[in-house]
């Protein structure tokens, strides 16, 4: 990737779910623009592979974001190693099973919320004070178009992503005086490994809802995130950026 601009010179980013998919591409983009990254991911093997692919500007910590103790420890380790965290991109997430609400497994419901919402809350919770000490920060929380419109047979995923939007809007208003912006993106279905968690009929349904008749590309999301997470995006906070191929109606 050509180094056209270097918006991230001297900046350090934490990216959850950073060893693959949207997180990995975002890390690649930030590094190409002069930054360094720490990948937070549950899969240690994927972290090692991602670090090799990204080079010396990439670092990694294996953790489960649904554990507040592990997230707090990772935040402390990252601050100790780099002295600050300028950017937080929360892209870790799961879809959960496709099932009608009346049949939805209760333990799976809890697991979806533990990762998609509680895990994101912990990451925001323990990174924000680091940003406040530095007087600067950019937080990008990855939600979903499902959080705005709701997908049938995906109540846990839809509800958890709706909660991410609400959390983002609330936190953005809290931090306006601290030099920290907090925004969310709401992609439609993107061609990432998360599709492997879904039934073919559900994938077909989601494609039918996108007027452009294709899924999003990880590079398209990484491009949007890399702008929102940069100094250039300085007058927008608590906002939701749609990247849905025309699906979004508000």
Protein backbone atom coordinates (compact mmCIF):
# COMPACT_ATOMS: atom_id res chain seq x y z
CA UNK A 1 0.00 0.00 0.00
CA UNK A 2 1.48 3.35 -1.05
CA UNK A 3 2.33 5.80 1.70
CA UNK A 4 0.40 8.74 0.26
CA UNK A 5 -0.15 10.41 3.62
CA UNK A 6 1.25 9.81 7.10
CA UNK A 7 -1.57 10.86 9.41
CA UNK A 8 -0.44 8.48 12.14
CA UNK A 9 3.18 9.52 12.57
CA UNK A 10 3.93 9.16 16.29
CA UNK A 11 0.50 7.69 17.03
CA UNK A 12 -0.22 4.33 18.67
CA UNK A 13 -3.43 2.40 18.15
CA UNK A 14 -5.07 -0.51 19.95
CA UNK A 15 -7.25 -2.63 17.68
CA UNK A 16 -9.46 -5.37 19.10
CA UNK A 17 -10.07 -8.33 16.85
CA UNK A 18 -6.99 -6.98 15.13
CA UNK A 19 -5.49 -10.25 13.90
CA UNK A 20 -7.95 -10.73 11.03
CA UNK A 21 -10.70 -9.16 8.98
CA UNK A 22 -11.56 -5.49 9.49
CA UNK A 23 -9.17 -5.12 12.42
CA UNK A 24 -6.19 -6.45 10.48
CA UNK A 25 -6.85 -4.25 7.46
CA UNK A 26 -7.22 -1.21 9.71
CA UNK A 27 -3.92 -2.03 11.39
CA UNK A 28 -2.30 -2.35 7.99
CA UNK A 29 -3.68 1.05 6.98
CA UNK A 30 -2.56 2.81 10.18
CA UNK A 31 0.94 1.35 9.89
CA UNK A 32 1.14 2.41 6.24
CA UNK A 33 0.44 5.96 7.43
CA UNK A 34 3.25 5.98 9.97
CA UNK A 35 1.60 4.62 13.10
CA UNK A 36 2.21 1.66 15.39
CA UNK A 37 -0.42 -0.77 16.60
CA UNK A 38 -1.10 -3.29 19.32
CA UNK A 39 -3.42 -6.06 18.23
CA UNK A 40 -5.75 -7.36 20.93
CA UNK A 41 -7.16 -10.72 19.86
CA UNK A 42 -8.28 -13.94 21.48
CA UNK A 43 -6.31 -16.09 19.00
CA UNK A 44 -2.59 -16.07 19.86
CA UNK A 45 -1.71 -17.96 16.69
CA UNK A 46 -3.45 -15.40 14.50
CA UNK A 47 -1.70 -12.60 16.37
CA UNK A 48 1.69 -14.13 15.60
CA UNK A 49 0.81 -14.48 11.92
CA UNK A 50 -0.55 -10.93 11.76
CA UNK A 51 2.55 -9.49 13.40
CA UNK A 52 4.77 -11.26 10.90
CA UNK A 53 2.68 -9.89 8.04
CA UNK A 54 2.56 -6.34 9.42
CA UNK A 55 6.19 -6.05 10.47
CA UNK A 56 7.95 -4.38 13.41
CA UNK A 57 5.32 -1.67 13.86
CA UNK A 58 2.81 -4.27 15.04
CA UNK A 59 2.64 -5.72 18.54
CA UNK A 60 0.14 -8.11 20.04
CA UNK A 61 -1.59 -9.19 23.23
CA UNK A 62 -3.75 -12.29 23.46
CA UNK A 63 -6.83 -11.74 25.60
CA UNK A 64 -10.54 -12.36 25.89
CA UNK A 65 -12.31 -8.98 25.72
CA UNK A 66 -15.23 -10.40 27.70
CA UNK A 67 -12.94 -10.57 30.76
CA UNK A 68 -12.61 -7.16 32.45
CA UNK A 69 -9.52 -8.38 34.31
CA UNK A 70 -7.77 -9.33 31.08
CA UNK A 71 -8.73 -6.07 29.39
CA UNK A 72 -7.49 -3.98 32.32
CA UNK A 73 -4.20 -5.89 32.35
CA UNK A 74 -3.76 -5.43 28.59
CA UNK A 75 -4.47 -1.71 28.86
CA UNK A 76 -1.84 -1.32 31.57
CA UNK A 77 0.70 -3.34 29.59
CA UNK A 78 0.08 -1.28 26.47
CA UNK A 79 0.43 2.03 28.29
CA UNK A 80 3.60 0.84 30.01
CA UNK A 81 5.11 -0.20 26.68
CA UNK A 82 4.15 2.84 24.61
CA UNK A 83 3.34 5.57 27.13
CA UNK A 84 -0.04 6.30 25.57
CA UNK A 85 -2.89 5.05 23.41
CA UNK A 86 -4.00 7.54 20.77
CA UNK A 87 -6.52 5.36 18.96
CA UNK A 88 -8.88 2.57 19.99
CA UNK A 89 -10.71 0.59 17.32
CA UNK A 90 -13.14 -1.97 18.74
CA UNK A 91 -13.80 -4.49 15.98
CA UNK A 92 -13.93 -7.73 17.99
CA UNK A 93 -17.32 -9.36 17.76
CA UNK A 94 -19.39 -12.48 17.03
CA UNK A 95 -22.70 -13.04 15.28
CA UNK A 96 -24.15 -15.68 17.57
CA UNK A 97 -26.56 -18.32 16.26
CA UNK A 98 -29.44 -17.66 13.88
CA UNK A 99 -32.63 -18.53 15.75
CA UNK A 100 -36.04 -17.14 16.54
CA UNK A 101 -36.13 -15.23 19.82
CA UNK A 102 -38.41 -17.79 21.47
CA UNK A 103 -35.86 -20.50 20.68
CA UNK A 104 -32.71 -18.47 21.28
CA UNK A 105 -30.29 -20.32 23.61
CA UNK A 106 -29.92 -18.25 26.75
CA UNK A 107 -26.22 -18.99 27.17
CA UNK A 108 -25.56 -17.93 23.57
CA UNK A 109 -27.49 -14.70 24.19
CA UNK A 110 -25.23 -13.95 27.15
CA UNK A 111 -22.10 -14.81 25.15
CA UNK A 112 -23.02 -12.44 22.30
CA UNK A 113 -23.55 -9.60 24.76
CA UNK A 114 -20.42 -10.48 26.74
CA UNK A 115 -18.27 -10.04 23.64
CA UNK A 116 -20.11 -7.49 21.47
CA UNK A 117 -21.25 -5.11 24.20
CA UNK A 118 -19.62 -5.87 27.55
CA UNK A 119 -16.24 -6.51 25.94
CA UNK A 120 -16.45 -3.25 24.00
CA UNK A 121 -17.45 -1.44 27.20
CA UNK A 122 -14.42 -2.85 29.05
CA UNK A 123 -12.08 -1.74 26.25
CA UNK A 124 -13.54 1.77 26.22
CA UNK A 125 -13.61 1.81 30.03
CA UNK A 126 -9.91 1.03 30.51
CA UNK A 127 -8.50 2.92 27.52
CA UNK A 128 -10.35 6.22 28.12
CA UNK A 129 -8.33 7.16 31.25
CA UNK A 130 -5.10 6.61 29.29
CA UNK A 131 -6.35 8.97 26.59
CA UNK A 132 -7.44 11.50 29.19
CA UNK A 133 -3.97 11.53 30.72
CA UNK A 134 -2.58 12.28 27.28
CA UNK A 135 -5.24 14.84 26.37
CA UNK A 136 -6.02 13.19 23.04
CA UNK A 137 -7.88 10.20 21.66
CA UNK A 138 -9.94 8.71 18.87
CA UNK A 139 -12.31 5.82 19.55
CA UNK A 140 -14.09 3.96 16.76
CA UNK A 141 -16.64 1.34 17.81
CA UNK A 142 -17.74 -1.10 15.12
CA UNK A 143 -21.52 -1.56 15.34
CA UNK A 144 -23.71 -2.83 12.50
CA UNK A 145 -26.63 -1.85 10.30
CA UNK A 146 -28.44 -4.59 12.25
CA UNK A 147 -28.23 -2.32 15.28
CA UNK A 148 -30.32 0.27 13.47
CA UNK A 149 -32.75 -1.91 11.52
CA UNK A 150 -32.72 -5.30 13.25
CA UNK A 151 -32.17 -8.55 11.39
CA UNK A 152 -34.74 -11.33 11.84
CA UNK A 153 -33.49 -14.42 13.67
CA UNK A 154 -30.54 -12.41 14.97
CA UNK A 155 -32.01 -10.70 18.02
CA UNK A 156 -28.89 -10.94 20.20
CA UNK A 157 -26.59 -9.57 17.51
CA UNK A 158 -29.01 -6.79 16.54
CA UNK A 159 -29.67 -5.77 20.14
CA UNK A 160 -25.99 -5.83 21.11
CA UNK A 161 -25.04 -3.63 18.16
CA UNK A 162 -27.89 -1.21 18.93
CA UNK A 163 -26.44 -0.93 22.44
CA UNK A 164 -23.01 -0.16 20.97
CA UNK A 165 -24.56 2.79 19.14
CA UNK A 166 -26.14 4.08 22.35
CA UNK A 167 -22.91 3.66 24.31
CA UNK A 168 -20.98 5.52 21.61
CA UNK A 169 -23.38 8.47 21.59
CA UNK A 170 -23.29 8.71 25.37
CA UNK A 171 -19.52 8.48 25.71
CA UNK A 172 -18.94 10.93 22.87
CA UNK A 173 -20.83 13.59 24.82
CA UNK A 174 -18.98 12.77 28.03
CA UNK A 175 -15.55 13.34 26.51
CA UNK A 176 -16.04 16.49 24.43
CA UNK A 177 -13.83 18.54 26.77
CA UNK A 178 -11.01 15.97 26.85
CA UNK A 179 -9.79 16.06 23.26
CA UNK A 180 -11.29 12.61 22.66
CA UNK A 181 -13.84 11.77 19.98
CA UNK A 182 -15.99 8.64 20.02
CA UNK A 183 -17.77 7.48 16.88
CA UNK A 184 -19.30 4.30 15.49
CA UNK A 185 -19.64 2.74 12.08
CA UNK A 186 -22.62 0.66 11.00
CA UNK A 187 -21.59 -1.56 8.10
CA UNK A 188 -23.89 -3.84 6.23
CA UNK A 189 -22.56 -7.35 5.71
CA UNK A 190 -18.87 -7.37 4.91
CA UNK A 191 -16.96 -10.18 3.25
CA UNK A 192 -14.97 -11.34 6.29
CA UNK A 193 -14.44 -14.66 8.14
CA UNK A 194 -17.47 -13.82 10.33
CA UNK A 195 -19.67 -15.00 7.44
CA UNK A 196 -18.53 -18.51 8.23
CA UNK A 197 -20.61 -18.31 11.40
CA UNK A 198 -23.85 -17.80 9.45
CA UNK A 199 -26.27 -20.07 7.61
CA UNK A 200 -26.32 -19.70 3.79
CA UNK A 201 -29.98 -18.65 3.78
CA UNK A 202 -29.23 -15.83 6.23
CA UNK A 203 -26.32 -14.65 4.07
CA UNK A 204 -28.65 -14.60 1.04
CA UNK A 205 -31.20 -12.58 3.01
CA UNK A 206 -28.64 -9.94 3.98
CA UNK A 207 -27.37 -9.62 0.42
CA UNK A 208 -30.93 -9.08 -0.80
CA UNK A 209 -31.25 -6.07 1.53
CA UNK A 210 -28.27 -4.21 0.02
CA UNK A 211 -29.24 -2.05 -2.99
CA UNK A 212 -25.71 -2.29 -4.43
CA UNK A 213 -26.18 -6.08 -4.49
CA UNK A 214 -22.78 -6.87 -3.07
CA UNK A 215 -21.13 -7.17 0.33
CA UNK A 216 -18.78 -4.53 1.63
CA UNK A 217 -15.02 -4.95 1.38
CA UNK A 218 -12.69 -4.81 4.36
CA UNK A 219 -10.54 -2.22 2.59
CA UNK A 220 -13.57 0.07 2.31
CA UNK A 221 -14.20 -0.16 6.04
CA UNK A 222 -10.52 0.28 6.89
CA UNK A 223 -10.44 3.44 4.79
CA UNK A 224 -13.40 4.94 6.64
CA UNK A 225 -12.10 3.91 10.06
CA UNK A 226 -8.65 5.32 9.35
CA UNK A 227 -10.17 8.74 8.65
CA UNK A 228 -12.49 8.72 11.69
CA UNK A 229 -9.55 7.66 13.88
CA UNK A 230 -7.27 10.42 12.59
CA UNK A 231 -6.71 14.03 13.66
CA UNK A 232 -8.59 15.11 10.54
CA UNK A 233 -11.89 13.98 12.05
CA UNK A 234 -11.91 16.65 14.73
CA UNK A 235 -15.46 18.07 14.79
CA UNK A 236 -17.49 14.87 14.88
CA UNK A 237 -18.23 12.84 17.99
CA UNK A 238 -21.07 10.60 19.12
CA UNK A 239 -21.84 10.03 15.43
CA UNK A 240 -22.74 6.96 13.42
CA UNK A 241 -21.18 6.51 9.99
CA UNK A 242 -23.15 4.27 7.65
CA UNK A 243 -21.27 2.08 5.19
CA UNK A 244 -24.06 -0.12 3.95
CA UNK A 245 -24.23 -0.10 0.16
CA UNK A 246 -27.40 1.99 0.30
CA UNK A 247 -29.22 -0.17 2.85
CA UNK A 248 -29.38 2.45 5.62
CA UNK A 249 -32.54 4.54 5.65
CA UNK A 250 -31.59 6.85 8.54
